[in-house]
Amino acid sequence: MCATVADLSAHDRSALVWHFPHSVAFVGPWQFYTGYCLLASRAHASELSHLGTDRAAFLGEMAILAEAIESCFAPHKLNYELLGNVVPHLHWHIFPRSADDPERLQPVWLALERAKTDAAEKRRLETGTAPPDEVRERLRAWLTANNAPRRKES
């Protein structure tokens, strides 16, 4: 993740949603949770406490992305995950949860763990009510219309 954020031009940008000043937003692969996104810090840090004066801005950008997800996909609830056990670069997982999700009271990670060994479960979790390109474009349109802070990229 560090390399991807450091040099976005060298990586597949199809999942890229937005260049915030302190973070970068991507559409996540598990679109059963339609609108699922990742928000990665531009600063290399493994803990929120390491961000110092940039922490408030990073958290503000996470809240703006969450507002976009709520507005575009009207989830019943959002789950926010900031883990870093596998990828120690500071990043949020924002999972929209629907009221009709049969596992809405369970952590998403239980289903994602099943997807590692169950191809049908993996396909189910990768498929949402909108294709990833549409998710990305709807979020971009909302962020643009609402004047979300943006960092210019090459």
N, C-alpha and C. Protein backbone atom coordinates (compact mmCIF):
# COMPACT_ATOMS: atom_id res chain seq x y z
N MET A 1 0.82 -1.19 0.00
CA MET A 1 0.00 0.00 0.00
C MET A 1 0.87 1.25 0.00
N CYS A 2 2.00 1.20 0.67
CA CYS A 2 2.88 2.37 0.71
C CYS A 2 3.31 2.78 -0.69
N ALA A 3 3.70 1.80 -1.50
CA ALA A 3 4.15 2.09 -2.86
C ALA A 3 3.01 2.62 -3.72
N THR A 4 1.83 2.07 -3.55
CA THR A 4 0.67 2.52 -4.33
C THR A 4 0.36 3.99 -4.04
N VAL A 5 0.33 4.35 -2.77
CA VAL A 5 0.02 5.73 -2.40
C VAL A 5 1.14 6.68 -2.81
N ALA A 6 2.39 6.22 -2.68
CA ALA A 6 3.53 7.07 -3.02
C ALA A 6 3.60 7.39 -4.50
N ASP A 7 3.21 6.44 -5.36
CA ASP A 7 3.31 6.65 -6.80
C ASP A 7 2.08 6.09 -7.49
N LEU A 8 0.99 6.84 -7.42
CA LEU A 8 -0.28 6.38 -7.98
C LEU A 8 -0.20 6.20 -9.49
N SER A 9 0.66 6.93 -10.17
CA SER A 9 0.75 6.82 -11.63
C SER A 9 1.32 5.49 -12.07
N ALA A 10 2.02 4.79 -11.19
CA ALA A 10 2.65 3.52 -11.56
C ALA A 10 1.74 2.32 -11.30
N HIS A 11 0.55 2.55 -10.80
CA HIS A 11 -0.33 1.44 -10.43
C HIS A 11 -1.67 1.56 -11.15
N ASP A 12 -2.41 0.46 -11.16
CA ASP A 12 -3.75 0.44 -11.74
C ASP A 12 -4.61 1.45 -11.01
N ARG A 13 -5.16 2.39 -11.74
CA ARG A 13 -5.94 3.46 -11.12
C ARG A 13 -7.45 3.23 -11.26
N SER A 14 -7.85 2.05 -11.71
CA SER A 14 -9.28 1.81 -11.94
C SER A 14 -10.09 1.85 -10.65
N ALA A 15 -9.48 1.58 -9.52
CA ALA A 15 -10.19 1.61 -8.25
C ALA A 15 -10.11 2.97 -7.56
N LEU A 16 -9.30 3.87 -8.10
CA LEU A 16 -9.09 5.17 -7.48
C LEU A 16 -10.37 6.00 -7.50
N VAL A 17 -10.78 6.50 -6.35
CA VAL A 17 -11.97 7.33 -6.24
C VAL A 17 -11.59 8.81 -6.13
N TRP A 18 -10.67 9.15 -5.20
CA TRP A 18 -10.43 10.56 -4.91
C TRP A 18 -9.04 10.75 -4.32
N HIS A 19 -8.42 11.84 -4.71
CA HIS A 19 -7.14 12.29 -4.15
C HIS A 19 -7.43 13.38 -3.11
N PHE A 20 -7.57 13.01 -1.87
CA PHE A 20 -7.69 14.01 -0.82
C PHE A 20 -6.30 14.56 -0.51
N PRO A 21 -6.19 15.69 0.15
CA PRO A 21 -4.87 16.23 0.50
C PRO A 21 -4.03 15.31 1.40
N HIS A 22 -4.69 14.57 2.32
CA HIS A 22 -3.96 13.74 3.27
C HIS A 22 -4.18 12.25 3.10
N SER A 23 -4.99 11.88 2.10
CA SER A 23 -5.32 10.47 1.91
C SER A 23 -5.76 10.22 0.47
N VAL A 24 -5.90 8.96 0.15
CA VAL A 24 -6.37 8.54 -1.17
C VAL A 24 -7.46 7.50 -0.96
N ALA A 25 -8.58 7.67 -1.68
CA ALA A 25 -9.72 6.76 -1.55
C ALA A 25 -9.78 5.81 -2.74
N PHE A 26 -10.07 4.56 -2.46
CA PHE A 26 -10.19 3.51 -3.48
C PHE A 26 -11.49 2.74 -3.27
N VAL A 27 -12.08 2.25 -4.36
CA VAL A 27 -13.19 1.31 -4.27
C VAL A 27 -12.59 -0.03 -3.85
N GLY A 28 -13.19 -0.65 -2.85
CA GLY A 28 -12.70 -1.93 -2.37
C GLY A 28 -13.26 -3.09 -3.18
N PRO A 29 -12.65 -4.25 -3.08
CA PRO A 29 -13.06 -5.39 -3.91
C PRO A 29 -14.35 -6.07 -3.47
N TRP A 30 -14.81 -5.86 -2.25
CA TRP A 30 -15.95 -6.62 -1.71
C TRP A 30 -17.23 -5.82 -1.87
N GLN A 31 -17.74 -5.75 -3.10
CA GLN A 31 -18.88 -4.89 -3.39
C GLN A 31 -20.24 -5.51 -3.07
N PHE A 32 -20.28 -6.70 -2.43
CA PHE A 32 -21.53 -7.14 -1.82
C PHE A 32 -21.97 -6.04 -0.85
N TYR A 33 -20.97 -5.39 -0.24
CA TYR A 33 -21.17 -4.23 0.61
C TYR A 33 -21.04 -3.01 -0.32
N THR A 34 -22.07 -2.77 -1.11
CA THR A 34 -22.01 -1.80 -2.20
C THR A 34 -21.59 -0.42 -1.68
N GLY A 35 -20.48 0.06 -2.24
CA GLY A 35 -19.90 1.33 -1.83
C GLY A 35 -18.69 1.16 -0.94
N TYR A 36 -18.32 -0.10 -0.64
CA TYR A 36 -17.16 -0.36 0.22
C TYR A 36 -15.93 0.34 -0.35
N CYS A 37 -15.24 1.09 0.50
CA CYS A 37 -14.04 1.82 0.10
C CYS A 37 -12.93 1.65 1.12
N LEU A 38 -11.72 1.90 0.63
CA LEU A 38 -10.53 1.99 1.47
C LEU A 38 -10.04 3.42 1.39
N LEU A 39 -9.56 3.94 2.49
CA LEU A 39 -8.98 5.28 2.53
C LEU A 39 -7.59 5.14 3.13
N ALA A 40 -6.56 5.38 2.32
CA ALA A 40 -5.17 5.22 2.75
C ALA A 40 -4.52 6.56 3.02
N SER A 41 -3.79 6.63 4.09
CA SER A 41 -3.06 7.84 4.45
C SER A 41 -1.94 8.09 3.43
N ARG A 42 -1.72 9.35 3.08
CA ARG A 42 -0.58 9.69 2.24
C ARG A 42 0.72 9.59 3.04
N ALA A 43 0.64 9.88 4.34
CA ALA A 43 1.83 9.78 5.19
C ALA A 43 2.06 8.32 5.55
N HIS A 44 3.32 7.92 5.55
CA HIS A 44 3.62 6.56 5.98
C HIS A 44 3.55 6.52 7.50
N ALA A 45 2.53 5.86 7.99
CA ALA A 45 2.33 5.71 9.43
C ALA A 45 1.57 4.42 9.66
N SER A 46 1.79 3.82 10.81
CA SER A 46 1.06 2.59 11.13
C SER A 46 0.03 2.81 12.23
N GLU A 47 0.05 3.97 12.87
CA GLU A 47 -0.89 4.27 13.94
C GLU A 47 -1.42 5.69 13.79
N LEU A 48 -2.67 5.94 14.19
CA LEU A 48 -3.22 7.29 14.16
C LEU A 48 -2.35 8.25 14.98
N SER A 49 -1.82 7.77 16.07
CA SER A 49 -1.00 8.63 16.94
C SER A 49 0.28 9.10 16.25
N HIS A 50 0.68 8.44 15.17
CA HIS A 50 1.89 8.82 14.44
C HIS A 50 1.66 9.96 13.47
N LEU A 51 0.41 10.32 13.21
CA LEU A 51 0.13 11.36 12.22
C LEU A 51 0.36 12.78 12.74
N GLY A 52 0.35 12.95 14.02
CA GLY A 52 0.58 14.29 14.57
C GLY A 52 -0.46 15.29 14.10
N THR A 53 0.01 16.41 13.56
CA THR A 53 -0.90 17.49 13.16
C THR A 53 -1.77 17.13 11.97
N ASP A 54 -1.45 16.10 11.22
CA ASP A 54 -2.26 15.68 10.07
C ASP A 54 -3.43 14.77 10.45
N ARG A 55 -3.46 14.33 11.70
CA ARG A 55 -4.47 13.36 12.14
C ARG A 55 -5.90 13.89 11.94
N ALA A 56 -6.16 15.10 12.36
CA ALA A 56 -7.52 15.65 12.25
C ALA A 56 -7.96 15.74 10.79
N ALA A 57 -7.04 16.15 9.92
CA ALA A 57 -7.37 16.25 8.49
C ALA A 57 -7.66 14.87 7.91
N PHE A 58 -6.87 13.87 8.27
CA PHE A 58 -7.08 12.50 7.79
C PHE A 58 -8.44 11.98 8.24
N LEU A 59 -8.77 12.20 9.51
CA LEU A 59 -10.06 11.76 10.02
C LEU A 59 -11.21 12.54 9.37
N GLY A 60 -11.00 13.80 9.08
CA GLY A 60 -12.01 14.59 8.38
C GLY A 60 -12.26 14.07 6.98
N GLU A 61 -11.20 13.67 6.29
CA GLU A 61 -11.36 13.11 4.95
C GLU A 61 -12.09 11.78 4.99
N MET A 62 -11.85 10.99 6.04
CA MET A 62 -12.58 9.73 6.22
C MET A 62 -14.07 10.02 6.39
N ALA A 63 -14.39 11.06 7.17
CA ALA A 63 -15.80 11.41 7.39
C ALA A 63 -16.46 11.91 6.10
N ILE A 64 -15.73 12.65 5.28
CA ILE A 64 -16.27 13.11 3.99
C ILE A 64 -16.55 11.93 3.08
N LEU A 65 -15.61 10.98 3.00
CA LEU A 65 -15.83 9.79 2.18
C LEU A 65 -17.03 9.01 2.71
N ALA A 66 -17.15 8.89 4.02
CA ALA A 66 -18.30 8.19 4.60
C ALA A 66 -19.60 8.88 4.23
N GLU A 67 -19.62 10.21 4.26
CA GLU A 67 -20.81 10.95 3.88
C GLU A 67 -21.17 10.69 2.41
N ALA A 68 -20.17 10.62 1.56
CA ALA A 68 -20.41 10.32 0.15
C ALA A 68 -21.02 8.92 -0.01
N ILE A 69 -20.48 7.95 0.70
CA ILE A 69 -21.00 6.58 0.64
C ILE A 69 -22.45 6.55 1.12
N GLU A 70 -22.72 7.23 2.23
CA GLU A 70 -24.09 7.28 2.75
C GLU A 70 -25.05 7.92 1.74
N SER A 71 -24.62 9.01 1.15
CA SER A 71 -25.49 9.73 0.20
C SER A 71 -25.72 8.94 -1.08
N CYS A 72 -24.69 8.28 -1.55
CA CYS A 72 -24.80 7.55 -2.82
C CYS A 72 -25.49 6.19 -2.70
N PHE A 73 -25.35 5.51 -1.56
CA PHE A 73 -25.81 4.13 -1.47
C PHE A 73 -26.80 3.86 -0.33
N ALA A 74 -27.07 4.84 0.50
CA ALA A 74 -28.08 4.77 1.57
C ALA A 74 -27.99 3.47 2.38
N PRO A 75 -26.83 3.16 2.95
CA PRO A 75 -26.75 1.95 3.77
C PRO A 75 -27.53 2.11 5.07
N HIS A 76 -27.85 0.99 5.66
CA HIS A 76 -28.51 0.96 6.97
C HIS A 76 -27.52 1.45 8.04
N LYS A 77 -26.25 1.08 7.88
CA LYS A 77 -25.19 1.39 8.84
C LYS A 77 -23.86 1.33 8.12
N LEU A 78 -22.89 2.12 8.59
CA LEU A 78 -21.52 2.01 8.11
C LEU A 78 -20.67 1.37 9.19
N ASN A 79 -19.79 0.46 8.78
CA ASN A 79 -18.78 -0.10 9.69
C ASN A 79 -17.44 0.49 9.28
N TYR A 80 -16.71 1.01 10.25
CA TYR A 80 -15.39 1.60 10.03
C TYR A 80 -14.36 0.68 10.66
N GLU A 81 -13.35 0.31 9.90
CA GLU A 81 -12.30 -0.57 10.41
C GLU A 81 -10.94 0.06 10.13
N LEU A 82 -10.14 0.18 11.17
CA LEU A 82 -8.77 0.67 11.06
C LEU A 82 -7.91 -0.35 11.78
N LEU A 83 -7.38 -1.30 11.03
CA LEU A 83 -6.69 -2.43 11.65
C LEU A 83 -5.17 -2.33 11.49
N GLY A 84 -4.67 -2.73 10.34
CA GLY A 84 -3.23 -2.67 10.08
C GLY A 84 -2.44 -3.88 10.50
N ASN A 85 -3.12 -4.96 10.88
CA ASN A 85 -2.40 -6.17 11.27
C ASN A 85 -1.69 -6.82 10.10
N VAL A 86 -2.32 -6.81 8.93
CA VAL A 86 -1.74 -7.42 7.73
C VAL A 86 -0.95 -6.39 6.93
N VAL A 87 -1.55 -5.22 6.73
CA VAL A 87 -0.90 -4.13 5.99
C VAL A 87 -0.68 -2.99 6.99
N PRO A 88 0.56 -2.79 7.45
CA PRO A 88 0.79 -1.82 8.51
C PRO A 88 0.86 -0.36 8.04
N HIS A 89 0.26 -0.06 6.91
CA HIS A 89 0.13 1.34 6.46
C HIS A 89 -1.27 1.79 6.86
N LEU A 90 -1.37 2.94 7.49
CA LEU A 90 -2.62 3.45 8.02
C LEU A 90 -3.68 3.55 6.92
N HIS A 91 -4.78 2.80 7.09
CA HIS A 91 -5.88 2.84 6.12
C HIS A 91 -7.18 2.40 6.79
N TRP A 92 -8.26 3.07 6.38
CA TRP A 92 -9.60 2.76 6.85
C TRP A 92 -10.29 1.84 5.85
N HIS A 93 -11.07 0.91 6.35
CA HIS A 93 -12.04 0.15 5.56
C HIS A 93 -13.39 0.72 5.95
N ILE A 94 -14.18 1.14 4.97
CA ILE A 94 -15.52 1.66 5.26
C ILE A 94 -16.51 0.73 4.55
N PHE A 95 -17.22 -0.06 5.35
CA PHE A 95 -18.15 -1.07 4.85
C PHE A 95 -19.59 -0.60 5.04
N PRO A 96 -20.33 -0.31 3.96
CA PRO A 96 -21.76 -0.04 4.08
C PRO A 96 -22.49 -1.36 4.36
N ARG A 97 -23.37 -1.35 5.32
CA ARG A 97 -24.12 -2.56 5.66
C ARG A 97 -25.59 -2.31 5.36
N SER A 98 -26.24 -3.28 4.75
CA SER A 98 -27.66 -3.14 4.42
C SER A 98 -28.51 -3.85 5.48
N ALA A 99 -29.72 -3.39 5.63
CA ALA A 99 -30.63 -3.98 6.62
C ALA A 99 -30.99 -5.42 6.26
N ASP A 100 -30.93 -5.77 4.96
CA ASP A 100 -31.30 -7.13 4.56
C ASP A 100 -30.09 -8.07 4.48
N ASP A 101 -28.92 -7.64 4.90
CA ASP A 101 -27.74 -8.51 4.97
C ASP A 101 -28.01 -9.55 6.07
N PRO A 102 -28.04 -10.83 5.72
CA PRO A 102 -28.35 -11.84 6.74
C PRO A 102 -27.31 -11.89 7.86
N GLU A 103 -26.14 -11.33 7.62
CA GLU A 103 -25.08 -11.32 8.64
C GLU A 103 -24.81 -9.90 9.15
N ARG A 104 -25.82 -9.04 9.11
CA ARG A 104 -25.62 -7.63 9.45
C ARG A 104 -25.14 -7.41 10.88
N LEU A 105 -25.36 -8.36 11.76
CA LEU A 105 -24.92 -8.22 13.15
C LEU A 105 -23.53 -8.81 13.39
N GLN A 106 -22.94 -9.36 12.34
CA GLN A 106 -21.62 -9.99 12.44
C GLN A 106 -20.56 -9.09 11.81
N PRO A 107 -19.31 -9.20 12.25
CA PRO A 107 -18.25 -8.46 11.57
C PRO A 107 -18.06 -8.97 10.14
N VAL A 108 -17.78 -8.07 9.23
CA VAL A 108 -17.55 -8.42 7.82
C VAL A 108 -16.45 -9.46 7.68
N TRP A 109 -15.47 -9.39 8.54
CA TRP A 109 -14.28 -10.23 8.39
C TRP A 109 -14.60 -11.72 8.46
N LEU A 110 -15.70 -12.11 9.10
CA LEU A 110 -16.07 -13.53 9.12
C LEU A 110 -16.39 -14.02 7.71
N ALA A 111 -17.17 -13.24 6.96
CA ALA A 111 -17.49 -13.61 5.57
C ALA A 111 -16.25 -13.55 4.69
N LEU A 112 -15.40 -12.54 4.90
CA LEU A 112 -14.19 -12.43 4.08
C LEU A 112 -13.24 -13.60 4.33
N GLU A 113 -13.22 -14.07 5.54
CA GLU A 113 -12.38 -15.24 5.86
C GLU A 113 -12.91 -16.47 5.12
N ARG A 114 -14.23 -16.64 5.08
CA ARG A 114 -14.81 -17.78 4.34
C ARG A 114 -14.47 -17.70 2.85
N ALA A 115 -14.40 -16.48 2.31
CA ALA A 115 -14.13 -16.29 0.88
C ALA A 115 -12.74 -16.78 0.49
N LYS A 116 -11.84 -16.91 1.45
CA LYS A 116 -10.49 -17.40 1.14
C LYS A 116 -10.50 -18.85 0.66
N THR A 117 -11.47 -19.63 1.12
CA THR A 117 -11.51 -21.05 0.77
C THR A 117 -12.77 -21.47 0.02
N ASP A 118 -13.72 -20.55 -0.16
CA ASP A 118 -14.99 -20.87 -0.80
C ASP A 118 -15.18 -19.95 -2.01
N ALA A 119 -15.00 -20.50 -3.21
CA ALA A 119 -15.07 -19.70 -4.44
C ALA A 119 -16.44 -19.05 -4.62
N ALA A 120 -17.51 -19.76 -4.27
CA ALA A 120 -18.86 -19.19 -4.40
C ALA A 120 -19.03 -18.00 -3.45
N GLU A 121 -18.52 -18.12 -2.26
CA GLU A 121 -18.60 -17.01 -1.29
C GLU A 121 -17.78 -15.82 -1.79
N LYS A 122 -16.63 -16.09 -2.37
CA LYS A 122 -15.79 -15.01 -2.91
C LYS A 122 -16.55 -14.28 -4.03
N ARG A 123 -17.16 -15.01 -4.95
CA ARG A 123 -17.95 -14.38 -6.03
C ARG A 123 -19.10 -13.56 -5.46
N ARG A 124 -19.78 -14.10 -4.47
CA ARG A 124 -20.90 -13.39 -3.85
C ARG A 124 -20.43 -12.06 -3.25
N LEU A 125 -19.32 -12.09 -2.55
CA LEU A 125 -18.83 -10.89 -1.88
C LEU A 125 -18.22 -9.87 -2.84
N GLU A 126 -17.80 -10.31 -4.00
CA GLU A 126 -17.25 -9.38 -5.00
C GLU A 126 -18.33 -8.71 -5.84
N THR A 127 -19.57 -9.19 -5.72
CA THR A 127 -20.66 -8.69 -6.56
C THR A 127 -21.63 -7.87 -5.73
N GLY A 128 -21.86 -6.64 -6.18
CA GLY A 128 -22.79 -5.77 -5.47
C GLY A 128 -23.97 -5.39 -6.33
N THR A 129 -24.74 -4.43 -5.86
CA THR A 129 -25.89 -3.96 -6.62
C THR A 129 -25.48 -3.02 -7.74
N ALA A 130 -24.21 -2.59 -7.74
CA ALA A 130 -23.67 -1.75 -8.81
C ALA A 130 -22.25 -2.22 -9.09
N PRO A 131 -21.82 -2.20 -10.36
CA PRO A 131 -20.45 -2.59 -10.67
C PRO A 131 -19.45 -1.59 -10.08
N PRO A 132 -18.23 -2.01 -9.79
CA PRO A 132 -17.23 -1.12 -9.18
C PRO A 132 -17.01 0.19 -9.93
N ASP A 133 -17.04 0.16 -11.26
CA ASP A 133 -16.87 1.40 -12.02
C ASP A 133 -17.99 2.39 -11.73
N GLU A 134 -19.22 1.89 -11.61
CA GLU A 134 -20.34 2.76 -11.29
C GLU A 134 -20.23 3.30 -9.87
N VAL A 135 -19.81 2.45 -8.94
CA VAL A 135 -19.59 2.88 -7.56
C VAL A 135 -18.60 4.03 -7.55
N ARG A 136 -17.48 3.84 -8.22
CA ARG A 136 -16.43 4.87 -8.28
C ARG A 136 -16.98 6.17 -8.86
N GLU A 137 -17.71 6.10 -9.97
CA GLU A 137 -18.20 7.30 -10.64
C GLU A 137 -19.26 8.02 -9.81
N ARG A 138 -20.13 7.27 -9.14
CA ARG A 138 -21.13 7.90 -8.28
C ARG A 138 -20.47 8.64 -7.12
N LEU A 139 -19.47 8.02 -6.52
CA LEU A 139 -18.75 8.67 -5.43
C LEU A 139 -18.01 9.91 -5.92
N ARG A 140 -17.34 9.80 -7.06
CA ARG A 140 -16.64 10.96 -7.62
C ARG A 140 -17.60 12.11 -7.90
N ALA A 141 -18.75 11.79 -8.46
CA ALA A 141 -19.73 12.84 -8.76
C ALA A 141 -20.18 13.54 -7.47
N TRP A 142 -20.44 12.76 -6.42
CA TRP A 142 -20.87 13.36 -5.16
C TRP A 142 -19.75 14.22 -4.57
N LEU A 143 -18.53 13.71 -4.56
CA LEU A 143 -17.40 14.45 -4.00
C LEU A 143 -17.15 15.74 -4.77
N THR A 144 -17.29 15.68 -6.10
CA THR A 144 -17.13 16.88 -6.92
C THR A 144 -18.24 17.88 -6.62
N ALA A 145 -19.48 17.43 -6.62
CA ALA A 145 -20.62 18.31 -6.39
C ALA A 145 -20.59 18.95 -5.01
N ASN A 146 -19.97 18.28 -4.05
CA ASN A 146 -19.92 18.79 -2.69
C ASN A 146 -18.57 19.42 -2.33
N ASN A 147 -17.79 19.72 -3.37
CA ASN A 147 -16.52 20.43 -3.20
C ASN A 147 -15.60 19.79 -2.18
N ALA A 148 -15.47 18.48 -2.25
CA ALA A 148 -14.56 17.77 -1.34
C ALA A 148 -13.13 18.26 -1.59
N PRO A 149 -12.33 18.39 -0.54
CA PRO A 149 -10.95 18.82 -0.75
C PRO A 149 -10.22 17.84 -1.65
N ARG A 150 -9.40 18.38 -2.51
CA ARG A 150 -8.74 17.55 -3.51
C ARG A 150 -7.31 18.00 -3.69
N ARG A 151 -6.44 17.02 -3.81
CA ARG A 151 -5.04 17.29 -4.13
C ARG A 151 -4.85 17.04 -5.61
N LYS A 152 -4.23 17.93 -6.28
CA LYS A 152 -3.97 17.75 -7.72
C LYS A 152 -2.88 16.71 -7.91
N GLU A 153 -3.13 15.79 -8.81
CA GLU A 153 -2.17 14.71 -9.13
C GLU A 153 -1.82 14.80 -10.61
N SER A 154 -0.68 14.27 -10.92
CA SER A 154 -0.27 14.22 -12.34
C SER A 154 -0.88 13.04 -13.05
